[in-house]
Amino acid sequence: MMRRYWWVMIALLVLVLSGHAWAKTSVKLAVVTKPGSAQNICAEIFKELFEARSQGRYEIDIYHSASLGTENEILEQLQMNSVQLAIVTDGPFDVFLPQARVICYPFLFADDQAVDRVLDGPAGKELLKQLETVGMKGLAFSENGFRHITNNRRPVNSVADVAGLKIRVMESIFHKELWRLLGANPTPMPWPIYAELQQGTIDGQENPLSVIWNYRLFEVQKYLTLTGHVYSAHIDVANLKWYQGLPPADQELMQQCMAEAAIRQRQWNRTNEADFLLKLKEAGMAVVEHPDLASFRKKTSGMRDLDLFKEPKVRDMLDKFMRAAQP
């Protein structure tokens, strides 16, 4: 009987140890957008890469479609470690880290090559590092893209046509000030905003072409103007303490997988941009392809001297981004 007892105990011990060895660590990754959108593309690529390369030790649970709240709320949850990972538009970060607003500086980047040179270079890496001061680990920059204006009241051919438009903006100090300078009535709202556009609560909004298409804004917006007034990144972040508590090899693997996912997502966005524009035209949007950008540049030319950029750390980061963006 004793012999049988010991065999049973050994079998139970093997089962317990085996179960422990194969137990997966669940990780919450939050995005505010719906499947098929830019944030989700990056999240899904990361999930595939990290789960496979960690050999099943981690399970990435993607919470999409604002199921965990607005982008600001997601970042607050990230700081509290109720969410471990997030992919969030750069705009809301300036509430937490004012230096983050330099990415959005108007007409900073001439093209995609300038974007990659800055964000993948020393300036971008330094900004990611500074997120540690607010409890976040900056992993990579994925992409929302260059933002353009849509509205229902009139074609926007120059900055004069923006005057008085009630434009939805992100919950960002910078974006509110930018649209005030441009002459609009900036109205901060969390995403999504289809109903507000449909009901006429706001006249318009500004976003990259992929967002305008994927959220079917062509159904509730008549005019599109290709202003490209700011470049919009997604910052891919982890809770700092949680990240630092991972084994060093897993930290490195997570960094590698997110960086690779970000690169692949940027390629997806850029490859499909022309197709998004064609689809929006075919859907009936009236597109101003060559607006008077000089008028927009003139209105925003003094933005560097506003209080938004006077704090020494913010000004220093802006200067670094401006130098790095030059050809």
C-alpha atoms as a PDB file:
ATOM      1  CA  MET A   1       0.000   0.000   0.000  1.00  0.00           C
ATOM      2  CA  MET A   2       2.838   2.354   0.903  1.00  0.00           C
ATOM      3  CA  ARG A   3       4.476   1.666  -2.422  1.00  0.00           C
ATOM      4  CA  ARG A   4       1.284   2.456  -4.279  1.00  0.00           C
ATOM      5  CA  TYR A   5       0.873   5.627  -2.201  1.00  0.00           C
ATOM      6  CA  TRP A   6       4.319   6.883  -3.210  1.00  0.00           C
ATOM      7  CA  TRP A   7       3.672   6.208  -6.899  1.00  0.00           C
ATOM      8  CA  VAL A   8       0.459   8.228  -6.692  1.00  0.00           C
ATOM      9  CA  MET A   9       2.281  11.081  -4.951  1.00  0.00           C
ATOM     10  CA  ILE A  10       5.031  11.090  -7.584  1.00  0.00           C
ATOM     11  CA  ALA A  11       2.447  11.148 -10.386  1.00  0.00           C
ATOM     12  CA  LEU A  12       0.646  14.071  -8.754  1.00  0.00           C
ATOM     13  CA  LEU A  13       3.924  15.936  -8.317  1.00  0.00           C
ATOM     14  CA  VAL A  14       4.779  15.422 -11.983  1.00  0.00           C
ATOM     15  CA  LEU A  15       1.359  16.764 -12.983  1.00  0.00           C
ATOM     16  CA  VAL A  16       1.739  19.829 -10.772  1.00  0.00           C
ATOM     17  CA  LEU A  17       5.225  20.601 -11.998  1.00  0.00           C
ATOM     18  CA  SER A  18       4.222  19.972 -15.591  1.00  0.00           C
ATOM     19  CA  GLY A  19       1.221  22.280 -15.238  1.00  0.00           C
ATOM     20  CA  HIS A  20       3.403  24.954 -13.685  1.00  0.00           C
ATOM     21  CA  ALA A  21       5.974  24.662 -16.447  1.00  0.00           C
ATOM     22  CA  TRP A  22       3.377  25.119 -19.147  1.00  0.00           C
ATOM     23  CA  ALA A  23       1.287  27.801 -17.429  1.00  0.00           C
ATOM     24  CA  LYS A  24       0.938  30.868 -19.644  1.00  0.00           C
ATOM     25  CA  THR A  25       1.394  34.414 -18.429  1.00  0.00           C
ATOM     26  CA  SER A  26      -1.593  36.474 -19.581  1.00  0.00           C
ATOM     27  CA  VAL A  27      -0.791  40.001 -20.733  1.00  0.00           C
ATOM     28  CA  LYS A  28      -3.357  42.741 -21.395  1.00  0.00           C
ATOM     29  CA  LEU A  29      -2.696  44.855 -24.508  1.00  0.00           C
ATOM     30  CA  ALA A  30      -5.122  47.757 -24.982  1.00  0.00           C
ATOM     31  CA  VAL A  31      -5.998  49.757 -28.084  1.00  0.00           C
ATOM     32  CA  VAL A  32      -8.866  52.154 -28.680  1.00  0.00           C
ATOM     33  CA  THR A  33      -9.504  51.215 -32.315  1.00  0.00           C
ATOM     34  CA  LYS A  34     -11.382  48.368 -33.986  1.00  0.00           C
ATOM     35  CA  PRO A  35      -9.937  45.308 -35.786  1.00  0.00           C
ATOM     36  CA  GLY A  36      -8.467  46.192 -39.170  1.00  0.00           C
ATOM     37  CA  SER A  37      -7.263  49.605 -37.983  1.00  0.00           C
ATOM     38  CA  ALA A  38      -3.645  50.690 -37.706  1.00  0.00           C
ATOM     39  CA  GLN A  39      -3.273  50.140 -33.944  1.00  0.00           C
ATOM     40  CA  ASN A  40      -4.826  46.700 -34.212  1.00  0.00           C
ATOM     41  CA  ILE A  41      -2.583  45.697 -37.122  1.00  0.00           C
ATOM     42  CA  CYS A  42       0.473  46.367 -34.957  1.00  0.00           C
ATOM     43  CA  ALA A  43      -1.070  44.654 -31.920  1.00  0.00           C
ATOM     44  CA  GLU A  44      -1.961  41.528 -33.879  1.00  0.00           C
ATOM     45  CA  ILE A  45       1.483  41.250 -35.480  1.00  0.00           C
ATOM     46  CA  PHE A  46       3.121  41.673 -32.073  1.00  0.00           C
ATOM     47  CA  LYS A  47       0.845  39.041 -30.524  1.00  0.00           C
ATOM     48  CA  GLU A  48       1.721  36.548 -33.256  1.00  0.00           C
ATOM     49  CA  LEU A  49       5.465  37.186 -33.003  1.00  0.00           C
ATOM     50  CA  PHE A  50       5.770  37.273 -29.218  1.00  0.00           C
ATOM     51  CA  GLU A  51       3.574  34.279 -28.478  1.00  0.00           C
ATOM     52  CA  ALA A  52       5.442  32.161 -31.053  1.00  0.00           C
ATOM     53  CA  ARG A  53       8.949  33.249 -30.072  1.00  0.00           C
ATOM     54  CA  SER A  54       8.268  32.899 -26.343  1.00  0.00           C
ATOM     55  CA  GLN A  55       7.229  29.318 -27.124  1.00  0.00           C
ATOM     56  CA  GLY A  56       3.781  29.694 -25.630  1.00  0.00           C
ATOM     57  CA  ARG A  57       4.886  31.056 -22.262  1.00  0.00           C
ATOM     58  CA  TYR A  58       2.871  34.248 -22.782  1.00  0.00           C
ATOM     59  CA  GLU A  59      -0.668  34.883 -23.993  1.00  0.00           C
ATOM     60  CA  ILE A  60      -1.359  38.384 -25.328  1.00  0.00           C
ATOM     61  CA  ASP A  61      -4.993  39.394 -24.820  1.00  0.00           C
ATOM     62  CA  ILE A  62      -5.890  42.306 -27.096  1.00  0.00           C
ATOM     63  CA  TYR A  63      -8.612  44.619 -25.758  1.00  0.00           C
ATOM     64  CA  HIS A  64      -9.819  46.661 -28.723  1.00  0.00           C
ATOM     65  CA  SER A  65     -12.589  49.059 -29.725  1.00  0.00           C
ATOM     66  CA  ALA A  66     -12.175  51.227 -26.586  1.00  0.00           C
ATOM     67  CA  SER A  67     -13.385  48.319 -24.435  1.00  0.00           C
ATOM     68  CA  LEU A  68     -11.068  49.592 -21.667  1.00  0.00           C
ATOM     69  CA  GLY A  69     -11.859  53.272 -22.184  1.00  0.00           C
ATOM     70  CA  THR A  70     -10.383  56.267 -23.966  1.00  0.00           C
ATOM     71  CA  GLU A  71      -6.705  56.562 -24.851  1.00  0.00           C
ATOM     72  CA  ASN A  72      -6.102  58.778 -21.814  1.00  0.00           C
ATOM     73  CA  GLU A  73      -7.845  56.215 -19.609  1.00  0.00           C
ATOM     74  CA  ILE A  74      -5.797  53.398 -21.144  1.00  0.00           C
ATOM     75  CA  LEU A  75      -2.579  55.251 -20.286  1.00  0.00           C
ATOM     76  CA  GLU A  76      -3.778  55.783 -16.721  1.00  0.00           C
ATOM     77  CA  GLN A  77      -4.523  52.051 -16.451  1.00  0.00           C
ATOM     78  CA  LEU A  78      -1.095  51.295 -17.880  1.00  0.00           C
ATOM     79  CA  GLN A  79       0.541  53.387 -15.149  1.00  0.00           C
ATOM     80  CA  MET A  80      -1.424  51.391 -12.531  1.00  0.00           C
ATOM     81  CA  ASN A  81      -0.481  48.059 -14.213  1.00  0.00           C
ATOM     82  CA  SER A  82      -4.110  47.054 -14.723  1.00  0.00           C
ATOM     83  CA  VAL A  83      -3.007  47.048 -18.378  1.00  0.00           C
ATOM     84  CA  GLN A  84       0.501  45.847 -19.197  1.00  0.00           C
ATOM     85  CA  LEU A  85       0.829  46.975 -22.835  1.00  0.00           C
ATOM     86  CA  ALA A  86      -0.818  49.651 -24.963  1.00  0.00           C
ATOM     87  CA  ILE A  87      -0.616  51.134 -28.444  1.00  0.00           C
ATOM     88  CA  VAL A  88      -1.797  54.728 -28.202  1.00  0.00           C
ATOM     89  CA  THR A  89      -1.792  57.781 -30.491  1.00  0.00           C
ATOM     90  CA  ASP A  90       1.000  60.211 -29.613  1.00  0.00           C
ATOM     91  CA  GLY A  91      -1.359  63.155 -28.933  1.00  0.00           C
ATOM     92  CA  PRO A  92      -2.716  62.060 -25.513  1.00  0.00           C
ATOM     93  CA  PHE A  93       0.807  61.373 -24.218  1.00  0.00           C
ATOM     94  CA  ASP A  94       1.471  65.095 -23.803  1.00  0.00           C
ATOM     95  CA  VAL A  95      -0.802  65.130 -20.761  1.00  0.00           C
ATOM     96  CA  PHE A  96       1.616  62.661 -19.134  1.00  0.00           C
ATOM     97  CA  LEU A  97       4.937  63.687 -20.734  1.00  0.00           C
ATOM     98  CA  PRO A  98       4.952  67.157 -22.371  1.00  0.00           C
ATOM     99  CA  GLN A  99       8.018  66.237 -24.475  1.00  0.00           C
ATOM    100  CA  ALA A 100       5.829  63.812 -26.452  1.00  0.00           C
ATOM    101  CA  ARG A 101       4.067  66.708 -28.194  1.00  0.00           C
ATOM    102  CA  VAL A 102       7.137  67.421 -30.323  1.00  0.00           C
ATOM    103  CA  ILE A 103       6.242  64.499 -32.620  1.00  0.00           C
ATOM    104  CA  CYS A 104       3.096  66.377 -33.663  1.00  0.00           C
ATOM    105  CA  TYR A 105       4.821  69.675 -34.424  1.00  0.00           C
ATOM    106  CA  PRO A 106       3.187  71.013 -37.627  1.00  0.00           C
ATOM    107  CA  PHE A 107       4.951  70.282 -40.906  1.00  0.00           C
ATOM    108  CA  LEU A 108       7.966  68.856 -39.053  1.00  0.00           C
ATOM    109  CA  PHE A 109       8.401  65.846 -41.349  1.00  0.00           C
ATOM    110  CA  ALA A 110       8.716  66.278 -45.107  1.00  0.00           C
ATOM    111  CA  ASP A 111       8.014  62.611 -45.863  1.00  0.00           C
ATOM    112  CA  ASP A 112       8.095  59.050 -44.545  1.00  0.00           C
ATOM    113  CA  GLN A 113      11.881  58.899 -44.832  1.00  0.00           C
ATOM    114  CA  ALA A 114      12.217  61.876 -42.476  1.00  0.00           C
ATOM    115  CA  VAL A 115       9.809  60.211 -40.046  1.00  0.00           C
ATOM    116  CA  ASP A 116      11.861  57.025 -39.919  1.00  0.00           C
ATOM    117  CA  ARG A 117      15.148  58.918 -39.658  1.00  0.00           C
ATOM    118  CA  VAL A 118      13.937  60.777 -36.560  1.00  0.00           C
ATOM    119  CA  LEU A 119      11.818  58.195 -34.745  1.00  0.00           C
ATOM    120  CA  ASP A 120      14.203  55.279 -35.326  1.00  0.00           C
ATOM    121  CA  GLY A 121      17.244  57.453 -34.612  1.00  0.00           C
ATOM    122  CA  PRO A 122      18.758  58.934 -31.422  1.00  0.00           C
ATOM    123  CA  ALA A 123      16.042  61.597 -30.976  1.00  0.00           C
ATOM    124  CA  GLY A 124      13.199  59.070 -31.096  1.00  0.00           C
ATOM    125  CA  LYS A 125      15.027  56.657 -28.802  1.00  0.00           C
ATOM    126  CA  GLU A 126      15.638  59.428 -26.295  1.00  0.00           C
ATOM    127  CA  LEU A 127      11.945  60.303 -26.241  1.00  0.00           C
ATOM    128  CA  LEU A 128      11.018  56.659 -25.637  1.00  0.00           C
ATOM    129  CA  LYS A 129      13.540  56.581 -22.782  1.00  0.00           C
ATOM    130  CA  GLN A 130      11.991  59.680 -21.188  1.00  0.00           C
ATOM    131  CA  LEU A 131       8.661  57.852 -20.858  1.00  0.00           C
ATOM    132  CA  GLU A 132      10.272  55.946 -17.986  1.00  0.00           C
ATOM    133  CA  THR A 133       9.932  59.093 -15.855  1.00  0.00           C
ATOM    134  CA  VAL A 134       6.142  58.603 -15.917  1.00  0.00           C
ATOM    135  CA  GLY A 135       6.155  54.848 -15.326  1.00  0.00           C
ATOM    136  CA  MET A 136       6.065  53.704 -18.951  1.00  0.00           C
ATOM    137  CA  LYS A 137       8.519  51.685 -20.999  1.00  0.00           C
ATOM    138  CA  GLY A 138       8.650  53.020 -24.552  1.00  0.00           C
ATOM    139  CA  LEU A 139       9.081  50.044 -26.869  1.00  0.00           C
ATOM    140  CA  ALA A 140       8.607  51.396 -30.401  1.00  0.00           C
ATOM    141  CA  PHE A 141       6.825  53.833 -32.692  1.00  0.00           C
ATOM    142  CA  SER A 142       4.194  52.397 -34.986  1.00  0.00           C
ATOM    143  CA  GLU A 143       2.182  54.658 -37.258  1.00  0.00           C
ATOM    144  CA  ASN A 144      -1.090  56.466 -37.597  1.00  0.00           C
ATOM    145  CA  GLY A 145       0.208  58.612 -40.472  1.00  0.00           C
ATOM    146  CA  PHE A 146      -0.079  62.147 -41.809  1.00  0.00           C
ATOM    147  CA  ARG A 147      -3.340  63.761 -40.745  1.00  0.00           C
ATOM    148  CA  HIS A 148      -5.812  65.454 -43.111  1.00  0.00           C
ATOM    149  CA  ILE A 149      -8.956  67.556 -42.607  1.00  0.00           C
ATOM    150  CA  THR A 150     -12.526  66.486 -43.320  1.00  0.00           C
ATOM    151  CA  ASN A 151     -15.679  68.526 -42.782  1.00  0.00           C
ATOM    152  CA  ASN A 152     -19.282  68.927 -43.893  1.00  0.00           C
ATOM    153  CA  ARG A 153     -19.536  72.680 -44.400  1.00  0.00           C
ATOM    154  CA  ARG A 154     -17.198  73.651 -47.255  1.00  0.00           C
ATOM    155  CA  PRO A 155     -14.065  72.721 -49.215  1.00  0.00           C
ATOM    156  CA  VAL A 156     -10.911  73.779 -47.392  1.00  0.00           C
ATOM    157  CA  ASN A 157      -8.591  75.289 -49.992  1.00  0.00           C
ATOM    158  CA  SER A 158      -6.594  77.466 -47.595  1.00  0.00           C
ATOM    159  CA  VAL A 159      -6.353  78.112 -43.881  1.00  0.00           C
ATOM    160  CA  ALA A 160      -8.971  80.869 -44.238  1.00  0.00           C
ATOM    161  CA  ASP A 161     -11.575  78.157 -44.918  1.00  0.00           C
ATOM    162  CA  VAL A 162     -10.908  76.597 -41.503  1.00  0.00           C
ATOM    163  CA  ALA A 163     -12.239  79.671 -39.686  1.00  0.00           C
ATOM    164  CA  GLY A 164     -15.110  78.811 -37.358  1.00  0.00           C
ATOM    165  CA  LEU A 165     -15.218  75.086 -38.134  1.00  0.00           C
ATOM    166  CA  LYS A 166     -16.018  72.988 -35.087  1.00  0.00           C
ATOM    167  CA  ILE A 167     -13.266  70.383 -35.364  1.00  0.00           C
ATOM    168  CA  ARG A 168     -12.966  67.338 -33.153  1.00  0.00           C
ATOM    169  CA  VAL A 169      -9.471  67.038 -31.714  1.00  0.00           C
ATOM    170  CA  MET A 170      -7.752  64.461 -29.530  1.00  0.00           C
ATOM    171  CA  GLU A 171      -7.675  64.990 -25.778  1.00  0.00           C
ATOM    172  CA  SER A 172      -4.317  66.712 -26.132  1.00  0.00           C
ATOM    173  CA  ILE A 173      -3.093  70.123 -25.007  1.00  0.00           C
ATOM    174  CA  PHE A 174      -1.090  70.511 -28.199  1.00  0.00           C
ATOM    175  CA  HIS A 175      -3.897  69.666 -30.613  1.00  0.00           C
ATOM    176  CA  LYS A 176      -6.317  72.078 -28.965  1.00  0.00           C
ATOM    177  CA  GLU A 177      -3.792  74.896 -29.310  1.00  0.00           C
ATOM    178  CA  LEU A 178      -2.926  73.987 -32.907  1.00  0.00           C
ATOM    179  CA  TRP A 179      -6.525  74.209 -34.077  1.00  0.00           C
ATOM    180  CA  ARG A 180      -7.121  77.399 -32.142  1.00  0.00           C
ATOM    181  CA  LEU A 181      -4.200  78.937 -34.053  1.00  0.00           C
ATOM    182  CA  LEU A 182      -5.649  77.715 -37.339  1.00  0.00           C
ATOM    183  CA  GLY A 183      -8.889  79.543 -36.593  1.00  0.00           C
ATOM    184  CA  ALA A 184     -11.114  76.564 -35.844  1.00  0.00           C
ATOM    185  CA  ASN A 185     -13.224  75.830 -32.791  1.00  0.00           C
ATOM    186  CA  PRO A 186     -11.323  72.803 -31.396  1.00  0.00           C
ATOM    187  CA  THR A 187     -13.553  70.342 -29.554  1.00  0.00           C
ATOM    188  CA  PRO A 188     -11.797  67.523 -27.636  1.00  0.00           C
ATOM    189  CA  MET A 189     -13.598  64.191 -27.905  1.00  0.00           C
ATOM    190  CA  PRO A 190     -12.627  60.560 -27.346  1.00  0.00           C
ATOM    191  CA  TRP A 191     -12.674  58.160 -30.286  1.00  0.00           C
ATOM    192  CA  PRO A 192     -14.827  57.078 -32.147  1.00  0.00           C
ATOM    193  CA  ILE A 193     -16.871  60.070 -33.334  1.00  0.00           C
ATOM    194  CA  TYR A 194     -19.123  58.757 -36.138  1.00  0.00           C
ATOM    195  CA  ALA A 195     -22.353  59.606 -34.289  1.00  0.00           C
ATOM    196  CA  GLU A 196     -21.171  63.129 -33.451  1.00  0.00           C
ATOM    197  CA  LEU A 197     -20.358  63.794 -37.102  1.00  0.00           C
ATOM    198  CA  GLN A 198     -23.628  62.280 -38.245  1.00  0.00           C
ATOM    199  CA  GLN A 199     -25.656  64.384 -35.824  1.00  0.00           C
ATOM    200  CA  GLY A 200     -23.779  67.593 -36.643  1.00  0.00           C
ATOM    201  CA  THR A 201     -22.451  68.015 -33.119  1.00  0.00           C
ATOM    202  CA  ILE A 202     -19.129  68.778 -34.806  1.00  0.00           C
ATOM    203  CA  ASP A 203     -18.411  69.982 -38.355  1.00  0.00           C
ATOM    204  CA  GLY A 204     -15.341  67.904 -38.989  1.00  0.00           C
ATOM    205  CA  GLN A 205     -12.244  66.131 -37.797  1.00  0.00           C
ATOM    206  CA  GLU A 206      -8.674  65.358 -38.866  1.00  0.00           C
ATOM    207  CA  ASN A 207      -7.073  61.957 -39.259  1.00  0.00           C
ATOM    208  CA  PRO A 208      -4.950  59.843 -41.606  1.00  0.00           C
ATOM    209  CA  LEU A 209      -6.613  58.323 -44.671  1.00  0.00           C
ATOM    210  CA  SER A 210      -6.688  54.815 -43.193  1.00  0.00           C
ATOM    211  CA  VAL A 211      -8.808  56.049 -40.288  1.00  0.00           C
ATOM    212  CA  ILE A 212     -11.165  58.033 -42.533  1.00  0.00           C
ATOM    213  CA  TRP A 213     -11.710  54.909 -44.640  1.00  0.00           C
ATOM    214  CA  ASN A 214     -11.847  52.218 -41.935  1.00  0.00           C
ATOM    215  CA  TYR A 215     -14.304  54.206 -39.832  1.00  0.00           C
ATOM    216  CA  ARG A 216     -16.454  55.011 -42.883  1.00  0.00           C
ATOM    217  CA  LEU A 217     -16.298  58.739 -42.223  1.00  0.00           C
ATOM    218  CA  PHE A 218     -17.052  59.289 -45.919  1.00  0.00           C
ATOM    219  CA  GLU A 219     -20.646  58.474 -45.025  1.00  0.00           C
ATOM    220  CA  VAL A 220     -20.894  61.502 -42.732  1.00  0.00           C
ATOM    221  CA  GLN A 221     -18.270  63.865 -44.189  1.00  0.00           C
ATOM    222  CA  LYS A 222     -18.403  65.465 -47.630  1.00  0.00           C
ATOM    223  CA  TYR A 223     -15.077  67.299 -47.957  1.00  0.00           C
ATOM    224  CA  LEU A 224     -11.524  65.991 -47.573  1.00  0.00           C
ATOM    225  CA  THR A 225      -8.414  68.188 -47.830  1.00  0.00           C
ATOM    226  CA  LEU A 226      -4.948  66.648 -48.017  1.00  0.00           C
ATOM    227  CA  THR A 227      -3.177  68.969 -45.611  1.00  0.00           C
ATOM    228  CA  GLY A 228      -0.789  66.511 -43.952  1.00  0.00           C
ATOM    229  CA  HIS A 229      -0.487  69.207 -41.280  1.00  0.00           C
ATOM    230  CA  VAL A 230       0.971  66.909 -38.638  1.00  0.00           C
ATOM    231  CA  TYR A 231       2.413  63.411 -38.565  1.00  0.00           C
ATOM    232  CA  SER A 232       0.734  61.135 -36.066  1.00  0.00           C
ATOM    233  CA  ALA A 233       2.644  58.265 -34.491  1.00  0.00           C
ATOM    234  CA  HIS A 234       1.438  55.477 -32.263  1.00  0.00           C
ATOM    235  CA  ILE A 235       3.645  54.955 -29.232  1.00  0.00           C
ATOM    236  CA  ASP A 236       3.875  51.318 -28.164  1.00  0.00           C
ATOM    237  CA  VAL A 237       4.390  51.139 -24.405  1.00  0.00           C
ATOM    238  CA  ALA A 238       4.526  48.798 -21.408  1.00  0.00           C
ATOM    239  CA  ASN A 239       4.111  49.376 -17.699  1.00  0.00           C
ATOM    240  CA  LEU A 240       7.688  50.024 -16.598  1.00  0.00           C
ATOM    241  CA  LYS A 241       7.747  48.054 -13.323  1.00  0.00           C
ATOM    242  CA  TRP A 242       5.983  45.088 -14.894  1.00  0.00           C
ATOM    243  CA  TYR A 243       8.409  45.118 -17.825  1.00  0.00           C
ATOM    244  CA  GLN A 244      11.435  45.341 -15.539  1.00  0.00           C
ATOM    245  CA  GLY A 245      10.090  42.363 -13.563  1.00  0.00           C
ATOM    246  CA  LEU A 246      10.278  40.108 -16.609  1.00  0.00           C
ATOM    247  CA  PRO A 247      13.346  37.916 -17.163  1.00  0.00           C
ATOM    248  CA  PRO A 248      15.965  39.926 -19.101  1.00  0.00           C
ATOM    249  CA  ALA A 249      15.714  37.595 -22.099  1.00  0.00           C
ATOM    250  CA  ASP A 250      11.950  38.168 -22.248  1.00  0.00           C
ATOM    251  CA  GLN A 251      12.408  41.926 -21.986  1.00  0.00           C
ATOM    252  CA  GLU A 252      14.715  41.822 -24.987  1.00  0.00           C
ATOM    253  CA  LEU A 253      12.355  39.542 -26.894  1.00  0.00           C
ATOM    254  CA  MET A 254       9.403  41.848 -26.215  1.00  0.00           C
ATOM    255  CA  GLN A 255      11.378  44.859 -27.426  1.00  0.00           C
ATOM    256  CA  GLN A 256      12.418  43.029 -30.601  1.00  0.00           C
ATOM    257  CA  CYS A 257       8.923  41.778 -31.396  1.00  0.00           C
ATOM    258  CA  MET A 258       7.301  45.178 -30.883  1.00  0.00           C
ATOM    259  CA  ALA A 259       9.957  46.902 -33.008  1.00  0.00           C
ATOM    260  CA  GLU A 260       9.402  44.376 -35.806  1.00  0.00           C
ATOM    261  CA  ALA A 261       5.619  44.692 -35.529  1.00  0.00           C
ATOM    262  CA  ALA A 262       5.906  48.488 -35.725  1.00  0.00           C
ATOM    263  CA  ILE A 263       8.021  48.352 -38.884  1.00  0.00           C
ATOM    264  CA  ARG A 264       5.626  45.922 -40.557  1.00  0.00           C
ATOM    265  CA  GLN A 265       2.612  48.025 -39.552  1.00  0.00           C
ATOM    266  CA  ARG A 266       4.197  51.200 -40.981  1.00  0.00           C
ATOM    267  CA  GLN A 267       4.793  49.338 -44.251  1.00  0.00           C
ATOM    268  CA  TRP A 268       1.152  48.219 -44.297  1.00  0.00           C
ATOM    269  CA  ASN A 269      -0.055  51.787 -43.761  1.00  0.00           C
ATOM    270  CA  ARG A 270       2.123  53.307 -46.469  1.00  0.00           C
ATOM    271  CA  THR A 271       1.505  50.563 -49.015  1.00  0.00           C
ATOM    272  CA  ASN A 272      -2.259  51.027 -48.718  1.00  0.00           C
ATOM    273  CA  GLU A 273      -2.452  54.824 -48.534  1.00  0.00           C
ATOM    274  CA  ALA A 274      -3.017  55.427 -52.257  1.00  0.00           C
ATOM    275  CA  ASP A 275      -5.746  52.795 -52.246  1.00  0.00           C
ATOM    276  CA  PHE A 276      -7.466  54.438 -49.267  1.00  0.00           C
ATOM    277  CA  LEU A 277      -7.525  57.756 -51.138  1.00  0.00           C
ATOM    278  CA  LEU A 278      -8.939  56.138 -54.273  1.00  0.00           C
ATOM    279  CA  LYS A 279     -11.671  54.411 -52.261  1.00  0.00           C
ATOM    280  CA  LEU A 280     -12.626  57.670 -50.540  1.00  0.00           C
ATOM    281  CA  LYS A 281     -12.969  59.391 -53.914  1.00  0.00           C
ATOM    282  CA  GLU A 282     -15.047  56.518 -55.262  1.00  0.00           C
ATOM    283  CA  ALA A 283     -17.237  56.741 -52.154  1.00  0.00           C
ATOM    284  CA  GLY A 284     -18.104  60.314 -53.141  1.00  0.00           C
ATOM    285  CA  MET A 285     -15.855  62.534 -51.060  1.00  0.00           C
ATOM    286  CA  ALA A 286     -14.868  65.842 -52.688  1.00  0.00           C
ATOM    287  CA  VAL A 287     -11.074  65.889 -52.338  1.00  0.00           C
ATOM    288  CA  VAL A 288      -8.868  68.994 -52.367  1.00  0.00           C
ATOM    289  CA  GLU A 289      -5.531  67.406 -53.229  1.00  0.00           C
ATOM    290  CA  HIS A 290      -3.405  70.557 -53.482  1.00  0.00           C
ATOM    291  CA  PRO A 291      -4.505  73.109 -50.869  1.00  0.00           C
ATOM    292  CA  ASP A 292      -2.566  76.283 -50.108  1.00  0.00           C
ATOM    293  CA  LEU A 293      -0.233  74.744 -47.543  1.00  0.00           C
ATOM    294  CA  ALA A 294       1.797  77.957 -47.326  1.00  0.00           C
ATOM    295  CA  SER A 295      -1.166  79.584 -45.586  1.00  0.00           C
ATOM    296  CA  PHE A 296      -1.226  76.781 -43.007  1.00  0.00           C
ATOM    297  CA  ARG A 297       2.529  76.989 -42.481  1.00  0.00           C
ATOM    298  CA  LYS A 298       2.314  80.748 -41.941  1.00  0.00           C
ATOM    299  CA  LYS A 299      -0.387  80.374 -39.287  1.00  0.00           C
ATOM    300  CA  THR A 300       1.656  77.805 -37.360  1.00  0.00           C
ATOM    301  CA  SER A 301       5.116  79.313 -37.897  1.00  0.00           C
ATOM    302  CA  GLY A 302       5.298  80.848 -34.428  1.00  0.00           C
ATOM    303  CA  MET A 303       4.143  77.790 -32.538  1.00  0.00           C
ATOM    304  CA  ARG A 304       7.653  77.052 -31.283  1.00  0.00           C
ATOM    305  CA  ASP A 305       7.511  80.219 -29.163  1.00  0.00           C
ATOM    306  CA  LEU A 306       4.273  79.358 -27.359  1.00  0.00           C
ATOM    307  CA  ASP A 307       4.208  78.275 -23.725  1.00  0.00           C
ATOM    308  CA  LEU A 308       3.665  74.694 -24.939  1.00  0.00           C
ATOM    309  CA  PHE A 309       7.328  74.513 -25.924  1.00  0.00           C
ATOM    310  CA  LYS A 310       8.973  76.898 -23.441  1.00  0.00           C
ATOM    311  CA  GLU A 311       9.709  74.340 -20.735  1.00  0.00           C
ATOM    312  CA  PRO A 312      13.454  73.515 -21.146  1.00  0.00           C
ATOM    313  CA  LYS A 313      13.035  69.739 -21.542  1.00  0.00           C
ATOM    314  CA  VAL A 314      10.313  70.204 -24.161  1.00  0.00           C
ATOM    315  CA  ARG A 315      12.277  72.866 -26.067  1.00  0.00           C
ATOM    316  CA  ASP A 316      15.410  70.711 -26.022  1.00  0.00           C
ATOM    317  CA  MET A 317      13.514  67.724 -27.422  1.00  0.00           C
ATOM    318  CA  LEU A 318      11.862  69.868 -30.097  1.00  0.00           C
ATOM    319  CA  ASP A 319      15.245  71.217 -31.203  1.00  0.00           C
ATOM    320  CA  LYS A 320      16.611  67.672 -31.454  1.00  0.00           C
ATOM    321  CA  PHE A 321      13.639  66.548 -33.539  1.00  0.00           C
ATOM    322  CA  MET A 322      13.917  69.582 -35.821  1.00  0.00           C
ATOM    323  CA  ARG A 323      17.616  69.003 -36.458  1.00  0.00           C
ATOM    324  CA  ALA A 324      17.123  65.288 -37.073  1.00  0.00           C
ATOM    325  CA  ALA A 325      14.244  65.953 -39.496  1.00  0.00           C
ATOM    326  CA  GLN A 326      16.446  67.995 -41.816  1.00  0.00           C
ATOM    327  CA  PRO A 327      17.658  66.175 -44.978  1.00  0.00           C
END
